Amino acid sequence: MKDKIKIQQLLSNYSDNRIYWHLIFWTTYLIFSSIGYYTTTLLQISFGKVILHYLTSIQIDIVATYFTVYYLISNYLIKRKYIYFVLLFIISSLFFVICQRFIVHYITYPYFFPESIFFGEWFKLRYFFTVTNIYPVTALFISIKYIKNAFITQKINQELEQKRLEAELKFLKSQIHPQITKDRRVS
């Protein structure tokens, strides 16, 4: 019973801070993406515009990431429903690409980059280009999530192994102890 409580405490320690870790992750992603975009534009666009651009488009990245991790992977990939996973991933990625294009066309370019040459290109979806903008953060998120899960699982297994060894030692001591007392009585 104590072991179960200890494991639940270990898992709840992460759960209590889960929102903070997610906020830290997305804030770090926003900052690094903005700096990367700002430096690739050869500093021709103000950093404030770049931050605002990423604040509008990061919403699609967040939804795509959580949908992929907590719905597609949990319900299809882990359960080995590979065909459904691939089909739903393609459909959802197409949906997220269209959403991203909508945000870029109707919010980002008109408000932050009105001088942009890409302003009128709504129908040029550039599916693979947009997918490669949305899903690297999803891959990073998945990597961090499963590495964290592996460490938690390893720690739980170590604690369980330690408890098993302690129980085995206690059992062996209880087996040895009656034998010693029996031998003392005989002599």
C-alpha atoms as a PDB file:
ATOM      1  CA  MET A   1       0.000   0.000   0.000  1.00  0.00           C
ATOM      2  CA  LYS A   2       2.852   2.379   0.868  1.00  0.00           C
ATOM      3  CA  ASP A   3       4.500   1.593  -2.481  1.00  0.00           C
ATOM      4  CA  LYS A   4       1.351   2.490  -4.374  1.00  0.00           C
ATOM      5  CA  ILE A   5       1.076   5.794  -2.506  1.00  0.00           C
ATOM      6  CA  LYS A   6       4.736   6.583  -3.223  1.00  0.00           C
ATOM      7  CA  ILE A   7       4.278   5.926  -6.955  1.00  0.00           C
ATOM      8  CA  GLN A   8       1.143   8.076  -7.011  1.00  0.00           C
ATOM      9  CA  GLN A   9       3.066  10.865  -5.259  1.00  0.00           C
ATOM     10  CA  LEU A  10       5.841  10.620  -7.842  1.00  0.00           C
ATOM     11  CA  LEU A  11       3.344  10.910 -10.690  1.00  0.00           C
ATOM     12  CA  SER A  12       1.356  13.688  -9.013  1.00  0.00           C
ATOM     13  CA  ASN A  13       4.515  15.766  -8.478  1.00  0.00           C
ATOM     14  CA  TYR A  14       4.794  16.020 -12.247  1.00  0.00           C
ATOM     15  CA  SER A  15       1.045  16.518 -12.729  1.00  0.00           C
ATOM     16  CA  ASP A  16       0.967  19.423 -10.262  1.00  0.00           C
ATOM     17  CA  ASN A  17       3.541  21.296 -12.324  1.00  0.00           C
ATOM     18  CA  ARG A  18       2.377  20.064 -15.709  1.00  0.00           C
ATOM     19  CA  ILE A  19       0.764  23.338 -16.808  1.00  0.00           C
ATOM     20  CA  TYR A  20       3.907  25.267 -15.878  1.00  0.00           C
ATOM     21  CA  TRP A  21       6.099  22.886 -17.872  1.00  0.00           C
ATOM     22  CA  HIS A  22       3.827  23.264 -20.882  1.00  0.00           C
ATOM     23  CA  LEU A  23       3.881  27.065 -20.575  1.00  0.00           C
ATOM     24  CA  ILE A  24       7.680  27.007 -20.309  1.00  0.00           C
ATOM     25  CA  PHE A  25       7.912  24.759 -23.377  1.00  0.00           C
ATOM     26  CA  TRP A  26       5.667  26.952 -25.544  1.00  0.00           C
ATOM     27  CA  THR A  27       7.251  30.199 -24.350  1.00  0.00           C
ATOM     28  CA  THR A  28      10.702  28.832 -25.140  1.00  0.00           C
ATOM     29  CA  TYR A  29       9.480  27.697 -28.554  1.00  0.00           C
ATOM     30  CA  LEU A  30       7.981  31.133 -29.220  1.00  0.00           C
ATOM     31  CA  ILE A  31      11.192  32.934 -28.258  1.00  0.00           C
ATOM     32  CA  PHE A  32      13.551  30.677 -30.225  1.00  0.00           C
ATOM     33  CA  SER A  33      11.284  30.611 -33.293  1.00  0.00           C
ATOM     34  CA  SER A  34      10.971  34.383 -33.244  1.00  0.00           C
ATOM     35  CA  ILE A  35      14.718  34.868 -32.885  1.00  0.00           C
ATOM     36  CA  GLY A  36      15.347  32.381 -35.695  1.00  0.00           C
ATOM     37  CA  TYR A  37      12.868  34.065 -38.035  1.00  0.00           C
ATOM     38  CA  TYR A  38      14.112  37.533 -37.088  1.00  0.00           C
ATOM     39  CA  THR A  39      17.718  36.664 -37.883  1.00  0.00           C
ATOM     40  CA  THR A  40      16.846  34.946 -41.191  1.00  0.00           C
ATOM     41  CA  THR A  41      15.077  38.088 -42.414  1.00  0.00           C
ATOM     42  CA  LEU A  42      18.419  39.889 -42.042  1.00  0.00           C
ATOM     43  CA  LEU A  43      16.884  42.096 -39.341  1.00  0.00           C
ATOM     44  CA  GLN A  44      14.673  43.900 -41.910  1.00  0.00           C
ATOM     45  CA  ILE A  45      11.484  43.340 -39.875  1.00  0.00           C
ATOM     46  CA  SER A  46      11.000  44.624 -36.355  1.00  0.00           C
ATOM     47  CA  PHE A  47      11.291  42.000 -33.646  1.00  0.00           C
ATOM     48  CA  GLY A  48       7.909  43.081 -32.258  1.00  0.00           C
ATOM     49  CA  LYS A  49       6.225  42.187 -35.554  1.00  0.00           C
ATOM     50  CA  VAL A  50       7.952  38.825 -35.561  1.00  0.00           C
ATOM     51  CA  ILE A  51       6.747  38.078 -32.006  1.00  0.00           C
ATOM     52  CA  LEU A  52       3.188  39.090 -32.938  1.00  0.00           C
ATOM     53  CA  HIS A  53       3.388  36.937 -36.067  1.00  0.00           C
ATOM     54  CA  TYR A  54       4.388  33.909 -34.009  1.00  0.00           C
ATOM     55  CA  LEU A  55       1.796  34.643 -31.336  1.00  0.00           C
ATOM     56  CA  THR A  56      -0.913  34.382 -33.983  1.00  0.00           C
ATOM     57  CA  SER A  57       0.462  31.310 -35.727  1.00  0.00           C
ATOM     58  CA  ILE A  58       1.640  29.393 -32.644  1.00  0.00           C
ATOM     59  CA  GLN A  59      -1.985  28.597 -31.851  1.00  0.00           C
ATOM     60  CA  ILE A  60      -2.131  26.202 -34.807  1.00  0.00           C
ATOM     61  CA  ASP A  61       1.152  24.598 -33.712  1.00  0.00           C
ATOM     62  CA  ILE A  62      -0.223  24.070 -30.194  1.00  0.00           C
ATOM     63  CA  VAL A  63      -3.522  22.569 -31.373  1.00  0.00           C
ATOM     64  CA  ALA A  64      -1.753  20.357 -33.935  1.00  0.00           C
ATOM     65  CA  THR A  65       0.717  19.165 -31.322  1.00  0.00           C
ATOM     66  CA  TYR A  66      -1.845  18.321 -28.649  1.00  0.00           C
ATOM     67  CA  PHE A  67      -4.188  16.719 -31.180  1.00  0.00           C
ATOM     68  CA  THR A  68      -1.376  14.558 -32.543  1.00  0.00           C
ATOM     69  CA  VAL A  69       0.076  13.590 -29.160  1.00  0.00           C
ATOM     70  CA  TYR A  70      -3.003  13.169 -26.998  1.00  0.00           C
ATOM     71  CA  TYR A  71      -5.493  11.964 -29.597  1.00  0.00           C
ATOM     72  CA  LEU A  72      -3.837  10.400 -32.647  1.00  0.00           C
ATOM     73  CA  ILE A  73      -0.890   8.741 -30.953  1.00  0.00           C
ATOM     74  CA  SER A  74      -2.843   7.700 -27.841  1.00  0.00           C
ATOM     75  CA  ASN A  75      -5.852   6.308 -29.683  1.00  0.00           C
ATOM     76  CA  TYR A  76      -4.338   4.936 -32.881  1.00  0.00           C
ATOM     77  CA  LEU A  77      -0.559   4.613 -32.961  1.00  0.00           C
ATOM     78  CA  ILE A  78      -0.111   3.065 -29.510  1.00  0.00           C
ATOM     79  CA  LYS A  79      -3.071   0.751 -30.116  1.00  0.00           C
ATOM     80  CA  ARG A  80      -1.437  -0.314 -33.405  1.00  0.00           C
ATOM     81  CA  LYS A  81      -4.152   1.019 -35.662  1.00  0.00           C
ATOM     82  CA  TYR A  82      -1.591   2.251 -38.161  1.00  0.00           C
ATOM     83  CA  ILE A  83      -3.839   2.801 -41.173  1.00  0.00           C
ATOM     84  CA  TYR A  84      -6.260   4.934 -39.169  1.00  0.00           C
ATOM     85  CA  PHE A  85      -3.361   6.837 -37.673  1.00  0.00           C
ATOM     86  CA  VAL A  86      -1.827   7.640 -41.072  1.00  0.00           C
ATOM     87  CA  LEU A  87      -5.159   8.592 -42.622  1.00  0.00           C
ATOM     88  CA  LEU A  88      -6.184  10.792 -39.710  1.00  0.00           C
ATOM     89  CA  PHE A  89      -2.723  12.335 -39.547  1.00  0.00           C
ATOM     90  CA  ILE A  90      -2.868  13.288 -43.242  1.00  0.00           C
ATOM     91  CA  ILE A  91      -6.404  14.669 -42.917  1.00  0.00           C
ATOM     92  CA  SER A  92      -5.617  16.591 -39.735  1.00  0.00           C
ATOM     93  CA  SER A  93      -2.344  17.939 -41.117  1.00  0.00           C
ATOM     94  CA  LEU A  94      -4.198  19.167 -44.207  1.00  0.00           C
ATOM     95  CA  PHE A  95      -6.740  20.843 -41.927  1.00  0.00           C
ATOM     96  CA  PHE A  96      -3.967  22.494 -39.878  1.00  0.00           C
ATOM     97  CA  VAL A  97      -2.200  23.640 -43.052  1.00  0.00           C
ATOM     98  CA  ILE A  98      -5.398  25.306 -44.262  1.00  0.00           C
ATOM     99  CA  CYS A  99      -5.907  26.924 -40.838  1.00  0.00           C
ATOM    100  CA  GLN A 100      -2.314  28.134 -40.824  1.00  0.00           C
ATOM    101  CA  ARG A 101      -2.710  29.527 -44.341  1.00  0.00           C
ATOM    102  CA  PHE A 102      -5.922  31.271 -43.305  1.00  0.00           C
ATOM    103  CA  ILE A 103      -4.186  32.922 -40.337  1.00  0.00           C
ATOM    104  CA  VAL A 104      -1.212  33.933 -42.456  1.00  0.00           C
ATOM    105  CA  HIS A 105      -3.365  35.324 -45.263  1.00  0.00           C
ATOM    106  CA  TYR A 106      -5.995  37.161 -43.212  1.00  0.00           C
ATOM    107  CA  ILE A 107      -4.094  38.147 -40.050  1.00  0.00           C
ATOM    108  CA  THR A 108      -0.327  37.939 -40.294  1.00  0.00           C
ATOM    109  CA  TYR A 109       0.335  39.480 -43.701  1.00  0.00           C
ATOM    110  CA  PRO A 110      -2.304  42.244 -43.654  1.00  0.00           C
ATOM    111  CA  TYR A 111      -1.536  43.424 -40.115  1.00  0.00           C
ATOM    112  CA  PHE A 112       2.149  42.709 -39.598  1.00  0.00           C
ATOM    113  CA  PHE A 113       3.673  42.471 -43.089  1.00  0.00           C
ATOM    114  CA  PRO A 114       1.468  44.463 -45.504  1.00  0.00           C
ATOM    115  CA  GLU A 115       4.461  45.079 -47.764  1.00  0.00           C
ATOM    116  CA  SER A 116       5.014  41.336 -48.211  1.00  0.00           C
ATOM    117  CA  ILE A 117       5.114  39.891 -51.706  1.00  0.00           C
ATOM    118  CA  PHE A 118       3.212  36.799 -50.509  1.00  0.00           C
ATOM    119  CA  PHE A 119       0.116  38.735 -49.447  1.00  0.00           C
ATOM    120  CA  GLY A 120      -2.139  37.695 -52.339  1.00  0.00           C
ATOM    121  CA  GLU A 121      -1.147  34.009 -52.481  1.00  0.00           C
ATOM    122  CA  TRP A 122      -4.044  32.372 -50.652  1.00  0.00           C
ATOM    123  CA  PHE A 123      -4.391  29.436 -53.036  1.00  0.00           C
ATOM    124  CA  LYS A 124      -0.716  28.594 -53.014  1.00  0.00           C
ATOM    125  CA  LEU A 125      -1.036  26.287 -50.016  1.00  0.00           C
ATOM    126  CA  ARG A 126       2.506  24.929 -50.034  1.00  0.00           C
ATOM    127  CA  TYR A 127       1.407  21.868 -48.058  1.00  0.00           C
ATOM    128  CA  PHE A 128       4.841  20.348 -47.435  1.00  0.00           C
ATOM    129  CA  PHE A 129       6.395  23.699 -46.553  1.00  0.00           C
ATOM    130  CA  THR A 130       3.680  24.422 -43.981  1.00  0.00           C
ATOM    131  CA  VAL A 131       3.788  20.883 -42.583  1.00  0.00           C
ATOM    132  CA  THR A 132       7.515  21.289 -42.045  1.00  0.00           C
ATOM    133  CA  ASN A 133       6.754  24.495 -40.151  1.00  0.00           C
ATOM    134  CA  ILE A 134       4.056  22.968 -37.927  1.00  0.00           C
ATOM    135  CA  TYR A 135       5.287  19.473 -37.121  1.00  0.00           C
ATOM    136  CA  PRO A 136       8.926  19.842 -36.003  1.00  0.00           C
ATOM    137  CA  VAL A 137       7.675  21.307 -32.729  1.00  0.00           C
ATOM    138  CA  THR A 138       5.277  18.372 -32.475  1.00  0.00           C
ATOM    139  CA  ALA A 139       8.201  15.972 -32.924  1.00  0.00           C
ATOM    140  CA  LEU A 140      10.169  17.840 -30.252  1.00  0.00           C
ATOM    141  CA  PHE A 141       7.177  17.741 -27.919  1.00  0.00           C
ATOM    142  CA  ILE A 142       6.705  14.005 -28.482  1.00  0.00           C
ATOM    143  CA  SER A 143      10.415  13.376 -27.854  1.00  0.00           C
ATOM    144  CA  ILE A 144      10.391  15.277 -24.584  1.00  0.00           C
ATOM    145  CA  LYS A 145       7.151  13.629 -23.470  1.00  0.00           C
ATOM    146  CA  TYR A 146       8.352  10.084 -24.106  1.00  0.00           C
ATOM    147  CA  ILE A 147      11.824  10.684 -22.683  1.00  0.00           C
ATOM    148  CA  LYS A 148      10.161  12.028 -19.528  1.00  0.00           C
ATOM    149  CA  ASN A 149       7.838   9.018 -19.433  1.00  0.00           C
ATOM    150  CA  ALA A 150      10.831   6.692 -19.814  1.00  0.00           C
ATOM    151  CA  PHE A 151      12.591   8.343 -16.860  1.00  0.00           C
ATOM    152  CA  ILE A 152       9.469   8.117 -14.688  1.00  0.00           C
ATOM    153  CA  THR A 153       8.987   4.480 -15.652  1.00  0.00           C
ATOM    154  CA  GLN A 154      12.645   3.767 -14.908  1.00  0.00           C
ATOM    155  CA  LYS A 155      12.381   5.425 -11.494  1.00  0.00           C
ATOM    156  CA  ILE A 156       9.196   3.506 -10.650  1.00  0.00           C
ATOM    157  CA  ASN A 157      10.817   0.232 -11.755  1.00  0.00           C
ATOM    158  CA  GLN A 158      13.903   0.972  -9.627  1.00  0.00           C
ATOM    159  CA  GLU A 159      11.718   1.645  -6.594  1.00  0.00           C
ATOM    160  CA  LEU A 160       9.721  -1.525  -7.208  1.00  0.00           C
ATOM    161  CA  GLU A 161      12.947  -3.528  -7.616  1.00  0.00           C
ATOM    162  CA  GLN A 162      14.289  -2.056  -4.386  1.00  0.00           C
ATOM    163  CA  LYS A 163      11.071  -3.001  -2.556  1.00  0.00           C
ATOM    164  CA  ARG A 164      11.205  -6.508  -4.055  1.00  0.00           C
ATOM    165  CA  LEU A 165      14.792  -6.949  -2.890  1.00  0.00           C
ATOM    166  CA  GLU A 166      13.924  -5.690   0.588  1.00  0.00           C
ATOM    167  CA  ALA A 167      10.975  -8.085   0.788  1.00  0.00           C
ATOM    168  CA  GLU A 168      13.150 -10.974  -0.410  1.00  0.00           C
ATOM    169  CA  LEU A 169      15.836 -10.129   2.148  1.00  0.00           C
ATOM    170  CA  LYS A 170      13.229  -9.920   4.881  1.00  0.00           C
ATOM    171  CA  PHE A 171      11.831 -13.294   3.812  1.00  0.00           C
ATOM    172  CA  LEU A 172      15.301 -14.892   3.803  1.00  0.00           C
ATOM    173  CA  LYS A 173      16.053 -13.456   7.235  1.00  0.00           C
ATOM    174  CA  SER A 174      12.810 -14.904   8.550  1.00  0.00           C
ATOM    175  CA  GLN A 175      13.813 -18.300   7.116  1.00  0.00           C
ATOM    176  CA  ILE A 176      17.308 -18.192   8.624  1.00  0.00           C
ATOM    177  CA  HIS A 177      16.269 -16.906  12.022  1.00  0.00           C
ATOM    178  CA  PRO A 178      14.061 -19.920  13.027  1.00  0.00           C
ATOM    179  CA  GLN A 179      16.838 -22.314  11.982  1.00  0.00           C
ATOM    180  CA  ILE A 180      19.354 -20.600  14.256  1.00  0.00           C
ATOM    181  CA  THR A 181      16.996 -20.703  17.215  1.00  0.00           C
ATOM    182  CA  LYS A 182      16.246 -24.402  16.554  1.00  0.00           C
ATOM    183  CA  ASP A 183      19.981 -25.219  16.437  1.00  0.00           C
ATOM    184  CA  ARG A 184      20.576 -23.445  19.740  1.00  0.00           C
ATOM    185  CA  ARG A 185      17.860 -25.470  21.462  1.00  0.00           C
ATOM    186  CA  VAL A 186      19.322 -28.764  20.257  1.00  0.00           C
ATOM    187  CA  SER A 187      22.802 -28.043  21.571  1.00  0.00           C
END
